[in-house]
Amino acid sequence: MFRILKEDIRTVFARDPAARNLLEVMFCYPGFHALRLHRLAHFLWQRKLRLTARLLSHVNRFLTGVEIHPGARIGRRFFLDHGMGVVIGETAEIGDDVLMYQGVVLGGTSLEKKKRHPTIENSVVIGAAAILLGPITLGEGARVGANSVVVKSVPPGATVVGVPGRVVEEERPPVIDLEHGKLPDPVNEAIRLVLEDQGKLEERIHRLEELLKVSSTSSESGMKSQTQKELNE
């Protein structure tokens, strides 16, 4: 327990440049508090103390604004930046070295008692207010842009943005930060491609019109020559 506690504290210093000292981390980071209380609630949940675990998670929600079901599995060096509004469902699984911002939802899409929440593999970054629904999997090193809605699995190293979430980059090396200002826009990219196709079509139509004009001029000249020949005869 103390080893994991020290590791969680080191993770805060590694992921947040605003962290200045140990006391600040211990008393002023609700994401850190939420993780510590969840680890205790999960410990109780695994030992069949389900009601006690649920009550502790409810206290956690009241104190930090973070709602994590005690059945959710969270790996090592998980960093919850700010944390307010985060919801993590019962069957969610989070790997190691995951970075998650405020307002993220790992929600379920089924009423059946089975795996119904997302699986987040190692080194994934999830931007603020992103919503991930269903038993999907985010591959290792994947990134999800802010306010994205993801309902399909994401391959390792890919970047997903938009509503619904679309893969805009693949096979990127794992990262621990998410520079939203550098994320591509799939809508703008689609518009750009449509405009390019439109320009090509307009160019082809222009060439066809020129060919028709030339053909029409040639036909008229031929008809005039034939008529003049018949008159002369």
Protein backbone atom coordinates (compact mmCIF):
# COMPACT_ATOMS: atom_id res chain seq x y z
CA MET A 1 0.00 0.00 0.00
CA PHE A 2 2.77 2.45 0.89
CA ARG A 3 4.69 1.54 -2.26
CA ILE A 4 1.65 2.28 -4.42
CA LEU A 5 1.02 5.50 -2.48
CA LYS A 6 4.56 6.72 -3.19
CA GLU A 7 4.18 5.77 -6.85
CA ASP A 8 0.89 7.70 -7.12
CA ILE A 9 2.54 10.77 -5.58
CA ARG A 10 5.49 10.56 -7.98
CA THR A 11 3.01 10.29 -10.84
CA VAL A 12 1.43 13.62 -9.88
CA PHE A 13 4.81 15.33 -9.93
CA ALA A 14 5.65 13.71 -13.27
CA ARG A 15 2.37 14.65 -14.99
CA ASP A 16 1.55 18.08 -13.54
CA PRO A 17 4.10 20.93 -13.70
CA ALA A 18 1.95 22.87 -11.20
CA ALA A 19 2.78 20.41 -8.40
CA ARG A 20 5.35 22.09 -6.12
CA ASN A 21 5.69 20.01 -2.98
CA LEU A 22 4.45 16.93 -1.16
CA LEU A 23 1.95 18.71 1.08
CA GLU A 24 0.34 20.41 -1.91
CA VAL A 25 -0.14 17.06 -3.62
CA MET A 26 -1.47 15.39 -0.48
CA PHE A 27 -4.05 18.09 0.32
CA CYS A 28 -4.86 19.98 -2.90
CA TYR A 29 -5.30 17.35 -5.64
CA PRO A 30 -8.86 15.93 -5.79
CA GLY A 31 -7.86 13.53 -8.55
CA PHE A 32 -5.23 12.05 -6.24
CA HIS A 33 -7.77 11.84 -3.39
CA ALA A 34 -10.32 10.14 -5.67
CA LEU A 35 -7.76 7.53 -6.73
CA ARG A 36 -6.70 6.77 -3.16
CA LEU A 37 -10.30 6.34 -1.97
CA HIS A 38 -11.09 4.19 -4.99
CA ARG A 39 -8.17 1.88 -4.30
CA LEU A 40 -9.55 1.33 -0.79
CA ALA A 41 -13.11 0.84 -2.08
CA HIS A 42 -11.87 -1.64 -4.71
CA PHE A 43 -9.99 -3.54 -1.98
CA LEU A 44 -13.25 -3.89 -0.03
CA TRP A 45 -15.19 -4.81 -3.19
CA GLN A 46 -12.82 -7.68 -3.95
CA ARG A 47 -13.37 -9.02 -0.43
CA LYS A 48 -17.15 -9.12 -0.94
CA LEU A 49 -17.79 -6.10 1.31
CA ARG A 50 -19.93 -4.66 -1.47
CA LEU A 51 -22.16 -2.28 0.51
CA THR A 52 -19.23 -0.79 2.41
CA ALA A 53 -17.36 -0.34 -0.85
CA ARG A 54 -20.33 1.39 -2.49
CA LEU A 55 -20.77 3.68 0.51
CA LEU A 56 -17.08 4.63 0.37
CA SER A 57 -17.32 5.35 -3.36
CA HIS A 58 -20.35 7.54 -2.66
CA VAL A 59 -18.35 9.49 -0.07
CA ASN A 60 -15.58 9.74 -2.68
CA ARG A 61 -18.04 11.28 -5.13
CA PHE A 62 -19.28 13.77 -2.52
CA LEU A 63 -15.75 14.87 -1.56
CA THR A 64 -14.07 14.98 -4.99
CA GLY A 65 -16.77 15.15 -7.65
CA VAL A 66 -15.39 11.93 -9.14
CA GLU A 67 -17.65 8.88 -9.44
CA ILE A 68 -15.76 5.60 -9.72
CA HIS A 69 -17.57 2.32 -9.18
CA PRO A 70 -15.60 0.18 -6.70
CA GLY A 71 -15.66 -2.69 -9.18
CA ALA A 72 -13.65 -0.75 -11.78
CA ARG A 73 -10.04 -1.84 -12.19
CA ILE A 74 -7.39 0.88 -12.36
CA GLY A 75 -3.73 0.19 -13.01
CA ARG A 76 -0.55 1.83 -11.77
CA ARG A 77 0.57 5.42 -12.29
CA PHE A 78 -2.93 6.55 -13.23
CA PHE A 79 -3.27 10.35 -13.20
CA LEU A 80 -6.65 12.04 -13.03
CA ASP A 81 -6.09 15.71 -13.84
CA HIS A 82 -8.59 17.91 -11.91
CA GLY A 83 -11.13 15.07 -11.97
CA MET A 84 -14.43 16.91 -11.51
CA GLY A 85 -17.28 15.18 -13.33
CA VAL A 86 -15.41 11.98 -14.18
CA VAL A 87 -17.58 8.84 -14.23
CA ILE A 88 -16.06 5.35 -14.44
CA GLY A 89 -18.40 2.37 -14.60
CA GLU A 90 -18.31 -0.98 -12.85
CA THR A 91 -16.71 -3.12 -15.55
CA ALA A 92 -14.28 -0.48 -16.80
CA GLU A 93 -10.63 -1.52 -16.92
CA ILE A 94 -7.79 1.00 -17.01
CA GLY A 95 -4.18 0.00 -17.64
CA ASP A 96 -0.93 1.56 -16.49
CA ASP A 97 0.31 5.11 -17.18
CA VAL A 98 -3.10 6.41 -18.26
CA LEU A 99 -3.77 10.16 -18.23
CA MET A 100 -7.40 11.30 -17.94
CA TYR A 101 -8.77 14.84 -17.78
CA GLN A 102 -11.90 16.21 -16.12
CA GLY A 103 -15.41 15.32 -17.29
CA VAL A 104 -14.50 11.99 -18.90
CA VAL A 105 -17.18 9.29 -18.91
CA LEU A 106 -16.49 5.58 -19.26
CA GLY A 107 -20.10 4.49 -19.62
CA GLY A 108 -22.03 1.32 -20.37
CA THR A 109 -24.57 0.62 -23.09
CA SER A 110 -26.23 -2.54 -21.82
CA LEU A 111 -28.48 -3.54 -18.94
CA GLU A 112 -27.11 -7.08 -18.90
CA LYS A 113 -24.76 -8.10 -16.12
CA LYS A 114 -21.68 -8.57 -18.28
CA LYS A 115 -18.71 -6.58 -19.56
CA ARG A 116 -20.34 -3.32 -20.65
CA HIS A 117 -17.76 -0.55 -20.07
CA PRO A 118 -14.58 0.40 -21.93
CA THR A 119 -11.16 -1.14 -21.55
CA ILE A 120 -8.31 1.37 -21.58
CA GLU A 121 -4.90 -0.09 -22.31
CA ASN A 122 -1.53 1.30 -21.19
CA SER A 123 -0.34 4.86 -21.89
CA VAL A 124 -3.69 6.13 -23.21
CA VAL A 125 -4.56 9.85 -22.97
CA ILE A 126 -8.21 10.91 -22.77
CA GLY A 127 -9.05 14.60 -23.20
CA ALA A 128 -11.53 16.62 -21.16
CA ALA A 129 -15.25 15.77 -21.43
CA ALA A 130 -14.64 12.82 -23.76
CA ILE A 131 -17.32 10.11 -23.60
CA LEU A 132 -16.48 6.46 -24.21
CA LEU A 133 -19.42 4.07 -24.35
CA GLY A 134 -19.74 0.31 -24.37
CA PRO A 135 -17.30 -2.62 -24.09
CA ILE A 136 -14.84 -1.06 -26.53
CA THR A 137 -11.05 -1.16 -26.28
CA LEU A 138 -8.64 1.74 -26.62
CA GLY A 139 -5.34 0.30 -27.75
CA GLU A 140 -2.03 1.10 -26.12
CA GLY A 141 -0.87 4.67 -26.67
CA ALA A 142 -4.18 5.84 -28.15
CA ARG A 143 -5.31 9.46 -27.71
CA VAL A 144 -8.85 10.82 -27.50
CA GLY A 145 -9.51 14.51 -28.14
CA ALA A 146 -11.61 16.69 -25.85
CA ASN A 147 -15.41 16.37 -26.19
CA SER A 148 -15.13 13.32 -28.46
CA VAL A 149 -17.73 10.56 -28.32
CA VAL A 150 -16.15 7.14 -28.90
CA VAL A 151 -18.39 4.12 -29.50
CA LYS A 152 -15.98 1.88 -31.44
CA SER A 153 -12.66 0.34 -30.50
CA VAL A 154 -9.53 2.35 -31.26
CA PRO A 155 -6.32 0.74 -32.56
CA PRO A 156 -3.05 1.18 -30.67
CA GLY A 157 -1.32 4.52 -31.18
CA ALA A 158 -4.29 6.11 -32.95
CA THR A 159 -5.75 9.58 -32.35
CA VAL A 160 -9.54 9.94 -32.23
CA VAL A 161 -11.53 13.18 -32.40
CA GLY A 162 -15.09 14.26 -33.16
CA VAL A 163 -18.69 13.16 -32.64
CA PRO A 164 -18.82 10.30 -33.31
CA GLY A 165 -15.11 9.73 -32.79
CA ARG A 166 -13.06 9.21 -35.96
CA VAL A 167 -9.52 7.93 -36.23
CA VAL A 168 -7.44 10.73 -37.76
CA GLU A 169 -3.93 9.39 -37.11
CA GLU A 170 -2.62 5.89 -36.63
CA GLU A 171 0.55 4.16 -35.44
CA ARG A 172 1.85 7.01 -33.33
CA PRO A 173 4.33 6.35 -30.50
CA PRO A 174 2.81 6.37 -26.99
CA VAL A 175 2.68 9.82 -25.39
CA ILE A 176 1.62 11.13 -22.00
CA ASP A 177 0.27 14.50 -23.08
CA LEU A 178 -2.41 15.57 -25.50
CA GLU A 179 -1.76 18.78 -27.45
CA HIS A 180 -5.28 19.63 -28.55
CA GLY A 181 -4.10 22.58 -30.62
CA LYS A 182 -2.21 20.19 -32.90
CA LEU A 183 -4.97 17.62 -33.38
CA PRO A 184 -6.24 17.31 -36.96
CA ASP A 185 -9.88 18.10 -37.75
CA PRO A 186 -11.60 15.26 -39.68
CA VAL A 187 -14.48 17.53 -40.76
CA ASN A 188 -12.14 20.11 -42.29
CA GLU A 189 -10.18 17.32 -43.93
CA ALA A 190 -13.38 15.91 -45.47
CA ILE A 191 -14.38 19.36 -46.75
CA ARG A 192 -10.91 19.86 -48.23
CA LEU A 193 -11.13 16.56 -50.11
CA VAL A 194 -14.60 17.41 -51.43
CA LEU A 195 -13.38 20.80 -52.67
CA GLU A 196 -10.40 19.15 -54.36
CA ASP A 197 -12.71 16.71 -56.16
CA GLN A 198 -15.00 19.56 -57.14
CA GLY A 199 -12.06 21.46 -58.66
CA LYS A 200 -11.04 18.39 -60.66
CA LEU A 201 -14.61 17.93 -61.95
CA GLU A 202 -14.87 21.58 -62.96
CA GLU A 203 -11.57 21.29 -64.83
CA ARG A 204 -12.81 18.20 -66.72
CA ILE A 205 -16.11 19.91 -67.59
CA HIS A 206 -14.19 22.93 -68.90
CA ARG A 207 -12.04 20.69 -71.13
CA LEU A 208 -15.13 18.90 -72.45
CA GLU A 209 -16.79 22.22 -73.25
CA GLU A 210 -13.70 23.31 -75.18
CA LEU A 211 -13.69 20.04 -77.12
CA LEU A 212 -17.39 20.43 -77.92
CA LYS A 213 -16.82 23.97 -79.17
CA VAL A 214 -14.00 22.82 -81.44
CA SER A 215 -16.08 19.90 -82.69
CA SER A 216 -19.08 22.13 -83.30
CA THR A 217 -16.97 24.67 -85.21
CA SER A 218 -15.46 21.94 -87.36
CA SER A 219 -18.89 20.51 -88.15
CA GLU A 220 -20.29 23.89 -89.14
CA SER A 221 -17.32 24.55 -91.43
CA GLY A 222 -17.77 21.19 -93.07
CA MET A 223 -21.48 21.74 -93.62
CA LYS A 224 -20.86 25.17 -95.17
CA SER A 225 -18.25 23.73 -97.55
CA GLN A 226 -20.62 20.96 -98.63
CA THR A 227 -23.49 23.41 -99.23
CA GLN A 228 -21.30 25.75 -101.29
CA LYS A 229 -20.11 22.82 -103.39
CA GLU A 230 -23.66 21.74 -104.12
CA LEU A 231 -24.64 25.29 -105.13
CA ASN A 232 -21.73 25.52 -107.50
CA GLU A 233 -22.74 22.28 -109.14
